[in-house]
Amino acid sequence: MKHEFSRILRPAALGQEGRRQTLEAKPEERAALAERMGLVALDSLSAELDMVPASGKTVRVRGTLRAAVVQSCVVTLEPVPQSVEEPLDWRILPPGKEPSDELDDGPDEIESEPDGTVDIGEALAQSLSLALDPYPRVPDAELPDAARDGGGSPFAALRGRKPG
């Protein structure tokens, strides 16, 4: 499957020292990601990553994801520009190794493809998706009176039917 923002990493090619890398999405990649995520716009998307080989043939990736997004207000549908700055902490697993079932505060685990590669761009896209505000609102946005007053409780009509 071809992803909108694909950056293939070959952990075996990192060497013992590891590597620092900056990734930045091109305009056409940002437009495709904005469509996929239902954004009005994705004005920028970049990440600075430190990748270092770790124990058990894993690779530890730490860094920061930065993005400028525009979402639609859930109340007014007006554009809501937002900045995203999300810390990243990943552990890339070697081919065939399953992620841990334990829920802990450790790094997020990313599975490698059978050929040993990992699409870091797709991992960044997924991290951005999780970092987005699920209910973006413009300042002072209020629900219309009709939506607020909605007739009280949904059980109000049932209360009137209750015998006795």
N, C-alpha and C. Protein backbone atom coordinates (compact mmCIF):
# COMPACT_ATOMS: atom_id res chain seq x y z
N MET A 1 0.84 -1.19 0.00
CA MET A 1 0.00 0.00 0.00
C MET A 1 0.88 1.25 0.00
N LYS A 2 0.58 2.18 -0.86
CA LYS A 2 1.33 3.43 -0.95
C LYS A 2 0.67 4.47 -0.04
N HIS A 3 1.46 5.04 0.84
CA HIS A 3 0.96 6.05 1.77
C HIS A 3 1.21 7.45 1.21
N GLU A 4 0.43 8.40 1.70
CA GLU A 4 0.53 9.78 1.23
C GLU A 4 1.88 10.41 1.55
N PHE A 5 2.43 10.07 2.71
CA PHE A 5 3.69 10.65 3.19
C PHE A 5 4.61 9.49 3.53
N SER A 6 5.25 8.95 2.53
CA SER A 6 6.05 7.74 2.72
C SER A 6 7.54 8.09 2.82
N ARG A 7 8.16 7.66 3.90
CA ARG A 7 9.60 7.80 4.10
C ARG A 7 10.09 6.47 4.66
N ILE A 8 10.73 5.69 3.83
CA ILE A 8 11.14 4.35 4.22
C ILE A 8 12.46 4.40 4.98
N LEU A 9 12.48 3.75 6.12
CA LEU A 9 13.68 3.62 6.94
C LEU A 9 14.13 2.17 6.91
N ARG A 10 15.41 1.98 6.70
CA ARG A 10 16.01 0.65 6.77
C ARG A 10 16.89 0.61 8.03
N PRO A 11 16.32 0.12 9.14
CA PRO A 11 17.06 0.13 10.40
C PRO A 11 18.44 -0.52 10.30
N ALA A 12 18.58 -1.55 9.47
CA ALA A 12 19.87 -2.23 9.35
C ALA A 12 20.95 -1.30 8.79
N ALA A 13 20.56 -0.25 8.10
CA ALA A 13 21.52 0.67 7.50
C ALA A 13 21.90 1.84 8.42
N LEU A 14 21.37 1.86 9.64
CA LEU A 14 21.66 2.96 10.55
C LEU A 14 23.10 2.98 11.04
N GLY A 15 23.69 1.82 11.22
CA GLY A 15 25.02 1.76 11.82
C GLY A 15 24.94 1.88 13.33
N GLN A 16 26.04 1.72 14.01
CA GLN A 16 26.07 1.74 15.48
C GLN A 16 25.82 3.13 16.06
N GLU A 17 26.18 4.16 15.32
CA GLU A 17 26.04 5.53 15.82
C GLU A 17 24.62 6.05 15.76
N GLY A 18 23.82 5.45 14.89
CA GLY A 18 22.47 5.97 14.70
C GLY A 18 22.49 7.17 13.78
N ARG A 19 21.42 7.93 13.81
CA ARG A 19 21.34 9.06 12.89
C ARG A 19 20.28 10.05 13.38
N ARG A 20 20.54 11.31 13.11
CA ARG A 20 19.55 12.37 13.33
C ARG A 20 19.02 12.75 11.95
N GLN A 21 17.69 12.87 11.86
CA GLN A 21 17.10 13.15 10.56
C GLN A 21 15.91 14.09 10.72
N THR A 22 15.79 15.00 9.77
CA THR A 22 14.63 15.89 9.71
C THR A 22 13.80 15.48 8.51
N LEU A 23 12.52 15.28 8.73
CA LEU A 23 11.60 14.93 7.65
C LEU A 23 10.59 16.05 7.49
N GLU A 24 10.25 16.36 6.25
CA GLU A 24 9.27 17.41 5.99
C GLU A 24 8.39 16.98 4.83
N ALA A 25 7.08 17.13 5.01
CA ALA A 25 6.13 16.75 3.96
C ALA A 25 6.09 17.82 2.88
N LYS A 26 6.01 17.36 1.63
CA LYS A 26 5.89 18.25 0.48
C LYS A 26 4.43 18.71 0.37
N PRO A 27 4.19 19.81 -0.37
CA PRO A 27 2.81 20.33 -0.49
C PRO A 27 1.80 19.29 -0.96
N GLU A 28 2.14 18.48 -1.95
CA GLU A 28 1.19 17.48 -2.44
C GLU A 28 0.94 16.39 -1.40
N GLU A 29 1.95 16.06 -0.59
CA GLU A 29 1.77 15.08 0.48
C GLU A 29 0.86 15.65 1.57
N ARG A 30 1.08 16.92 1.90
CA ARG A 30 0.23 17.57 2.92
C ARG A 30 -1.22 17.65 2.46
N ALA A 31 -1.43 17.95 1.19
CA ALA A 31 -2.80 18.03 0.66
C ALA A 31 -3.49 16.66 0.74
N ALA A 32 -2.76 15.60 0.40
CA ALA A 32 -3.34 14.25 0.46
C ALA A 32 -3.63 13.85 1.90
N LEU A 33 -2.73 14.18 2.83
CA LEU A 33 -2.96 13.87 4.24
C LEU A 33 -4.14 14.68 4.79
N ALA A 34 -4.26 15.94 4.39
CA ALA A 34 -5.38 16.76 4.85
C ALA A 34 -6.70 16.14 4.41
N GLU A 35 -6.74 15.64 3.19
CA GLU A 35 -7.97 14.99 2.71
C GLU A 35 -8.25 13.73 3.50
N ARG A 36 -7.23 12.92 3.71
CA ARG A 36 -7.39 11.68 4.47
C ARG A 36 -7.90 11.92 5.89
N MET A 37 -7.41 12.99 6.53
CA MET A 37 -7.76 13.26 7.93
C MET A 37 -8.95 14.19 8.08
N GLY A 38 -9.53 14.63 6.98
CA GLY A 38 -10.68 15.53 7.06
C GLY A 38 -10.33 16.92 7.54
N LEU A 39 -9.12 17.38 7.22
CA LEU A 39 -8.68 18.72 7.63
C LEU A 39 -9.03 19.73 6.54
N VAL A 40 -9.23 20.97 6.93
CA VAL A 40 -9.38 22.05 5.96
C VAL A 40 -8.05 22.23 5.24
N ALA A 41 -6.95 22.21 6.00
CA ALA A 41 -5.61 22.35 5.43
C ALA A 41 -4.57 21.78 6.39
N LEU A 42 -3.48 21.36 5.81
CA LEU A 42 -2.30 20.96 6.57
C LEU A 42 -1.17 21.82 6.01
N ASP A 43 -0.91 22.95 6.68
CA ASP A 43 0.03 23.94 6.16
C ASP A 43 1.48 23.55 6.32
N SER A 44 1.79 22.74 7.32
CA SER A 44 3.16 22.25 7.48
C SER A 44 3.14 20.95 8.27
N LEU A 45 4.12 20.12 8.01
CA LEU A 45 4.30 18.87 8.75
C LEU A 45 5.77 18.51 8.68
N SER A 46 6.40 18.43 9.84
CA SER A 46 7.82 18.07 9.89
C SER A 46 8.10 17.34 11.19
N ALA A 47 9.25 16.69 11.21
CA ALA A 47 9.68 16.00 12.42
C ALA A 47 11.20 15.96 12.46
N GLU A 48 11.72 16.11 13.66
CA GLU A 48 13.15 15.92 13.90
C GLU A 48 13.28 14.65 14.71
N LEU A 49 14.04 13.70 14.20
CA LEU A 49 14.12 12.38 14.82
C LEU A 49 15.56 12.00 15.11
N ASP A 50 15.78 11.42 16.30
CA ASP A 50 17.04 10.78 16.65
C ASP A 50 16.79 9.29 16.66
N MET A 51 17.50 8.55 15.80
CA MET A 51 17.31 7.10 15.68
C MET A 51 18.60 6.40 16.10
N VAL A 52 18.48 5.53 17.10
CA VAL A 52 19.65 4.87 17.67
C VAL A 52 19.37 3.38 17.81
N PRO A 53 20.29 2.52 17.35
CA PRO A 53 20.10 1.08 17.57
C PRO A 53 20.04 0.78 19.07
N ALA A 54 19.17 -0.16 19.44
CA ALA A 54 19.00 -0.53 20.84
C ALA A 54 19.07 -2.04 20.98
N SER A 55 18.83 -2.53 22.18
CA SER A 55 18.94 -3.96 22.44
C SER A 55 17.89 -4.76 21.67
N GLY A 56 18.19 -6.02 21.43
CA GLY A 56 17.25 -6.92 20.78
C GLY A 56 16.96 -6.57 19.33
N LYS A 57 17.92 -5.97 18.66
CA LYS A 57 17.78 -5.57 17.25
C LYS A 57 16.65 -4.57 17.03
N THR A 58 16.33 -3.82 18.08
CA THR A 58 15.32 -2.77 17.95
C THR A 58 16.02 -1.44 17.65
N VAL A 59 15.24 -0.45 17.28
CA VAL A 59 15.75 0.91 17.07
C VAL A 59 14.89 1.85 17.90
N ARG A 60 15.52 2.69 18.68
CA ARG A 60 14.80 3.67 19.49
C ARG A 60 14.75 4.98 18.71
N VAL A 61 13.57 5.52 18.56
CA VAL A 61 13.37 6.78 17.84
C VAL A 61 12.72 7.77 18.81
N ARG A 62 13.39 8.91 18.97
CA ARG A 62 12.84 9.98 19.79
C ARG A 62 12.89 11.27 18.98
N GLY A 63 11.92 12.11 19.21
CA GLY A 63 11.92 13.37 18.47
C GLY A 63 10.67 14.17 18.72
N THR A 64 10.42 15.09 17.81
CA THR A 64 9.26 15.98 17.92
C THR A 64 8.59 16.12 16.57
N LEU A 65 7.29 15.97 16.57
CA LEU A 65 6.45 16.19 15.40
C LEU A 65 5.88 17.59 15.50
N ARG A 66 5.98 18.35 14.42
CA ARG A 66 5.41 19.70 14.39
C ARG A 66 4.52 19.84 13.17
N ALA A 67 3.37 20.46 13.36
CA ALA A 67 2.45 20.65 12.25
C ALA A 67 1.61 21.91 12.48
N ALA A 68 1.21 22.51 11.37
CA ALA A 68 0.23 23.60 11.39
C ALA A 68 -0.98 23.08 10.64
N VAL A 69 -2.10 22.95 11.35
CA VAL A 69 -3.31 22.38 10.75
C VAL A 69 -4.45 23.39 10.83
N VAL A 70 -5.42 23.19 9.95
CA VAL A 70 -6.66 23.96 10.01
C VAL A 70 -7.79 22.94 9.99
N GLN A 71 -8.58 22.95 11.08
CA GLN A 71 -9.73 22.07 11.19
C GLN A 71 -11.01 22.90 11.14
N SER A 72 -12.14 22.24 10.98
CA SER A 72 -13.44 22.92 11.01
C SER A 72 -13.98 22.91 12.43
N CYS A 73 -14.48 24.05 12.87
CA CYS A 73 -15.11 24.16 14.18
C CYS A 73 -16.31 23.22 14.24
N VAL A 74 -16.45 22.48 15.32
CA VAL A 74 -17.55 21.53 15.46
C VAL A 74 -18.90 22.23 15.67
N VAL A 75 -18.87 23.51 15.99
CA VAL A 75 -20.11 24.25 16.23
C VAL A 75 -20.49 25.09 15.01
N THR A 76 -19.53 25.88 14.49
CA THR A 76 -19.83 26.84 13.43
C THR A 76 -19.33 26.44 12.05
N LEU A 77 -18.47 25.45 11.99
CA LEU A 77 -17.79 25.01 10.76
C LEU A 77 -16.78 26.03 10.25
N GLU A 78 -16.50 27.07 11.03
CA GLU A 78 -15.46 28.04 10.66
C GLU A 78 -14.09 27.38 10.78
N PRO A 79 -13.09 27.86 10.02
CA PRO A 79 -11.75 27.30 10.12
C PRO A 79 -11.13 27.58 11.50
N VAL A 80 -10.46 26.57 12.04
CA VAL A 80 -9.78 26.69 13.33
C VAL A 80 -8.30 26.33 13.11
N PRO A 81 -7.42 27.34 12.99
CA PRO A 81 -6.00 27.03 12.84
C PRO A 81 -5.41 26.59 14.18
N GLN A 82 -4.56 25.59 14.13
CA GLN A 82 -3.93 25.08 15.35
C GLN A 82 -2.50 24.66 15.06
N SER A 83 -1.67 24.77 16.07
CA SER A 83 -0.30 24.26 16.00
C SER A 83 -0.23 22.97 16.79
N VAL A 84 0.47 22.01 16.24
CA VAL A 84 0.67 20.73 16.92
C VAL A 84 2.16 20.57 17.16
N GLU A 85 2.52 20.28 18.39
CA GLU A 85 3.90 19.93 18.72
C GLU A 85 3.81 18.72 19.63
N GLU A 86 4.18 17.58 19.10
CA GLU A 86 3.96 16.30 19.78
C GLU A 86 5.29 15.58 19.97
N PRO A 87 5.63 15.22 21.22
CA PRO A 87 6.85 14.43 21.42
C PRO A 87 6.64 13.02 20.88
N LEU A 88 7.69 12.46 20.32
CA LEU A 88 7.64 11.10 19.78
C LEU A 88 8.62 10.22 20.54
N ASP A 89 8.20 9.01 20.83
CA ASP A 89 9.07 8.02 21.47
C ASP A 89 8.62 6.66 20.96
N TRP A 90 9.39 6.10 20.03
CA TRP A 90 9.04 4.84 19.39
C TRP A 90 10.14 3.81 19.59
N ARG A 91 9.74 2.57 19.53
CA ARG A 91 10.68 1.45 19.48
C ARG A 91 10.31 0.65 18.24
N ILE A 92 11.22 0.62 17.27
CA ILE A 92 10.98 -0.13 16.04
C ILE A 92 11.43 -1.57 16.27
N LEU A 93 10.50 -2.48 16.06
CA LEU A 93 10.76 -3.89 16.29
C LEU A 93 11.34 -4.54 15.04
N PRO A 94 12.18 -5.56 15.21
CA PRO A 94 12.70 -6.27 14.04
C PRO A 94 11.59 -7.11 13.40
N PRO A 95 11.78 -7.52 12.15
CA PRO A 95 10.76 -8.34 11.47
C PRO A 95 10.42 -9.59 12.29
N GLY A 96 9.14 -9.89 12.36
CA GLY A 96 8.68 -11.10 13.05
C GLY A 96 8.44 -10.93 14.54
N LYS A 97 8.92 -9.84 15.13
CA LYS A 97 8.70 -9.63 16.56
C LYS A 97 7.38 -8.90 16.76
N GLU A 98 6.54 -9.46 17.62
CA GLU A 98 5.22 -8.90 17.89
C GLU A 98 5.32 -7.82 18.97
N PRO A 99 4.48 -6.79 18.88
CA PRO A 99 4.45 -5.78 19.94
C PRO A 99 4.00 -6.39 21.26
N SER A 100 4.45 -5.81 22.34
CA SER A 100 4.08 -6.26 23.67
C SER A 100 2.60 -6.03 23.91
N ASP A 101 1.97 -6.97 24.62
CA ASP A 101 0.55 -6.83 24.98
C ASP A 101 0.36 -5.93 26.19
N GLU A 102 1.44 -5.65 26.90
CA GLU A 102 1.35 -4.85 28.11
C GLU A 102 1.12 -3.38 27.78
N LEU A 103 0.23 -2.77 28.52
CA LEU A 103 0.02 -1.33 28.40
C LEU A 103 0.91 -0.66 29.43
N ASP A 104 1.87 0.09 28.94
CA ASP A 104 2.76 0.79 29.86
C ASP A 104 3.06 2.18 29.30
N ASP A 105 3.85 2.92 30.03
CA ASP A 105 4.19 4.27 29.61
C ASP A 105 5.45 4.31 28.77
N GLY A 106 5.91 3.16 28.32
CA GLY A 106 7.12 3.10 27.50
C GLY A 106 6.87 3.59 26.09
N PRO A 107 7.85 3.42 25.24
CA PRO A 107 7.71 3.90 23.86
C PRO A 107 6.65 3.12 23.09
N ASP A 108 6.04 3.79 22.11
CA ASP A 108 5.12 3.10 21.21
C ASP A 108 5.93 2.16 20.34
N GLU A 109 5.40 0.96 20.12
CA GLU A 109 6.13 -0.03 19.33
C GLU A 109 5.61 -0.04 17.90
N ILE A 110 6.54 -0.06 16.96
CA ILE A 110 6.22 -0.07 15.54
C ILE A 110 6.80 -1.34 14.94
N GLU A 111 5.95 -2.10 14.25
CA GLU A 111 6.40 -3.33 13.62
C GLU A 111 7.10 -3.03 12.30
N SER A 112 8.15 -3.78 12.02
CA SER A 112 8.84 -3.69 10.73
C SER A 112 8.11 -4.55 9.71
N GLU A 113 8.29 -4.21 8.45
CA GLU A 113 7.80 -5.05 7.36
C GLU A 113 8.67 -6.31 7.31
N PRO A 114 8.21 -7.36 6.63
CA PRO A 114 9.02 -8.58 6.54
C PRO A 114 10.42 -8.34 5.96
N ASP A 115 10.57 -7.32 5.10
CA ASP A 115 11.90 -7.03 4.53
C ASP A 115 12.76 -6.17 5.46
N GLY A 116 12.25 -5.85 6.66
CA GLY A 116 13.02 -5.10 7.64
C GLY A 116 12.86 -3.59 7.56
N THR A 117 12.05 -3.10 6.64
CA THR A 117 11.86 -1.66 6.51
C THR A 117 10.68 -1.17 7.35
N VAL A 118 10.66 0.13 7.58
CA VAL A 118 9.57 0.78 8.31
C VAL A 118 9.24 2.07 7.58
N ASP A 119 7.95 2.35 7.41
CA ASP A 119 7.55 3.61 6.80
C ASP A 119 7.38 4.65 7.91
N ILE A 120 8.44 5.40 8.15
CA ILE A 120 8.44 6.42 9.21
C ILE A 120 7.44 7.54 8.88
N GLY A 121 7.29 7.86 7.61
CA GLY A 121 6.33 8.89 7.22
C GLY A 121 4.91 8.52 7.62
N GLU A 122 4.54 7.25 7.41
CA GLU A 122 3.21 6.80 7.80
C GLU A 122 3.06 6.81 9.32
N ALA A 123 4.11 6.45 10.04
CA ALA A 123 4.06 6.51 11.51
C ALA A 123 3.86 7.95 11.97
N LEU A 124 4.49 8.90 11.29
CA LEU A 124 4.30 10.32 11.63
C LEU A 124 2.87 10.76 11.32
N ALA A 125 2.34 10.31 10.19
CA ALA A 125 0.95 10.66 9.84
C ALA A 125 -0.02 10.13 10.89
N GLN A 126 0.19 8.91 11.35
CA GLN A 126 -0.68 8.34 12.37
C GLN A 126 -0.54 9.09 13.70
N SER A 127 0.69 9.48 14.03
CA SER A 127 0.90 10.25 15.26
C SER A 127 0.20 11.61 15.18
N LEU A 128 0.26 12.25 14.01
CA LEU A 128 -0.45 13.51 13.84
C LEU A 128 -1.95 13.31 14.01
N SER A 129 -2.47 12.27 13.42
CA SER A 129 -3.91 12.00 13.51
C SER A 129 -4.35 11.86 14.97
N LEU A 130 -3.54 11.18 15.77
CA LEU A 130 -3.86 11.01 17.19
C LEU A 130 -3.71 12.29 18.00
N ALA A 131 -2.86 13.21 17.52
CA ALA A 131 -2.60 14.45 18.25
C ALA A 131 -3.62 15.55 17.95
N LEU A 132 -4.45 15.36 16.93
CA LEU A 132 -5.42 16.39 16.55
C LEU A 132 -6.50 16.56 17.61
N ASP A 133 -6.97 17.79 17.76
CA ASP A 133 -8.08 18.09 18.66
C ASP A 133 -9.34 17.43 18.11
N PRO A 134 -9.97 16.53 18.86
CA PRO A 134 -11.16 15.86 18.34
C PRO A 134 -12.39 16.77 18.24
N TYR A 135 -12.39 17.89 18.98
CA TYR A 135 -13.53 18.82 18.96
C TYR A 135 -13.03 20.26 18.83
N PRO A 136 -12.46 20.62 17.69
CA PRO A 136 -11.94 21.98 17.54
C PRO A 136 -13.08 23.00 17.54
N ARG A 137 -12.85 24.12 18.23
CA ARG A 137 -13.87 25.18 18.31
C ARG A 137 -13.20 26.54 18.16
N VAL A 138 -13.88 27.44 17.47
CA VAL A 138 -13.41 28.82 17.45
C VAL A 138 -13.72 29.42 18.82
N PRO A 139 -12.95 30.41 19.26
CA PRO A 139 -13.24 31.03 20.55
C PRO A 139 -14.67 31.58 20.59
N ASP A 140 -15.31 31.41 21.71
CA ASP A 140 -16.67 31.90 21.95
C ASP A 140 -17.74 31.24 21.09
N ALA A 141 -17.45 30.11 20.48
CA ALA A 141 -18.47 29.40 19.69
C ALA A 141 -19.50 28.81 20.63
N GLU A 142 -20.77 29.05 20.32
CA GLU A 142 -21.85 28.53 21.15
C GLU A 142 -22.84 27.79 20.29
N LEU A 143 -23.44 26.77 20.86
CA LEU A 143 -24.48 26.04 20.16
C LEU A 143 -25.71 26.93 20.00
N PRO A 144 -26.43 26.82 18.88
CA PRO A 144 -27.67 27.59 18.73
C PRO A 144 -28.67 27.17 19.80
N ASP A 145 -29.59 28.09 20.14
CA ASP A 145 -30.60 27.81 21.18
C ASP A 145 -31.37 26.54 20.89
N ALA A 146 -31.73 26.31 19.65
CA ALA A 146 -32.51 25.11 19.29
C ALA A 146 -31.75 23.84 19.65
N ALA A 147 -30.45 23.85 19.47
CA ALA A 147 -29.66 22.66 19.80
C ALA A 147 -29.49 22.51 21.30
N ARG A 148 -29.43 23.63 22.02
CA ARG A 148 -29.23 23.59 23.46
C ARG A 148 -30.49 23.19 24.20
N ASP A 149 -31.64 23.69 23.76
CA ASP A 149 -32.88 23.45 24.48
C ASP A 149 -33.51 22.12 24.13
N GLY A 150 -33.24 21.54 23.05
CA GLY A 150 -33.65 20.23 22.58
C GLY A 150 -34.74 19.50 23.33
N GLY A 151 -35.56 20.12 24.15
CA GLY A 151 -36.67 19.44 24.79
C GLY A 151 -36.29 18.73 26.08
N GLY A 152 -35.18 19.06 26.65
CA GLY A 152 -34.80 18.44 27.92
C GLY A 152 -34.22 17.05 27.72
N SER A 153 -34.46 16.22 28.69
CA SER A 153 -33.92 14.87 28.70
C SER A 153 -34.58 14.02 27.62
N PRO A 154 -33.83 13.09 27.02
CA PRO A 154 -34.44 12.19 26.05
C PRO A 154 -35.49 11.29 26.70
N PHE A 155 -35.48 11.20 28.01
CA PHE A 155 -36.45 10.36 28.71
C PHE A 155 -37.69 11.13 29.15
N ALA A 156 -37.74 12.43 28.86
CA ALA A 156 -38.88 13.25 29.27
C ALA A 156 -40.18 12.74 28.65
N ALA A 157 -40.14 12.33 27.40
CA ALA A 157 -41.35 11.81 26.75
C ALA A 157 -41.81 10.52 27.40
N LEU A 158 -40.89 9.70 27.85
CA LEU A 158 -41.25 8.44 28.50
C LEU A 158 -41.87 8.68 29.88
N ARG A 159 -41.38 9.71 30.57
CA ARG A 159 -41.90 10.03 31.89
C ARG A 159 -43.39 10.35 31.82
N GLY A 160 -43.80 11.00 30.75
CA GLY A 160 -45.20 11.34 30.58
C GLY A 160 -46.08 10.12 30.33
N ARG A 161 -45.53 9.05 29.89
CA ARG A 161 -46.29 7.82 29.61
C ARG A 161 -46.33 6.88 30.81
N LYS A 162 -45.53 7.15 31.80
CA LYS A 162 -45.45 6.27 32.96
C LYS A 162 -46.77 6.28 33.73
N PRO A 163 -47.36 5.10 33.96
CA PRO A 163 -48.62 5.06 34.71
C PRO A 163 -48.39 5.42 36.19
N GLY A 164 -49.38 6.07 36.75
CA GLY A 164 -49.41 6.33 38.17
C GLY A 164 -48.53 7.37 38.58
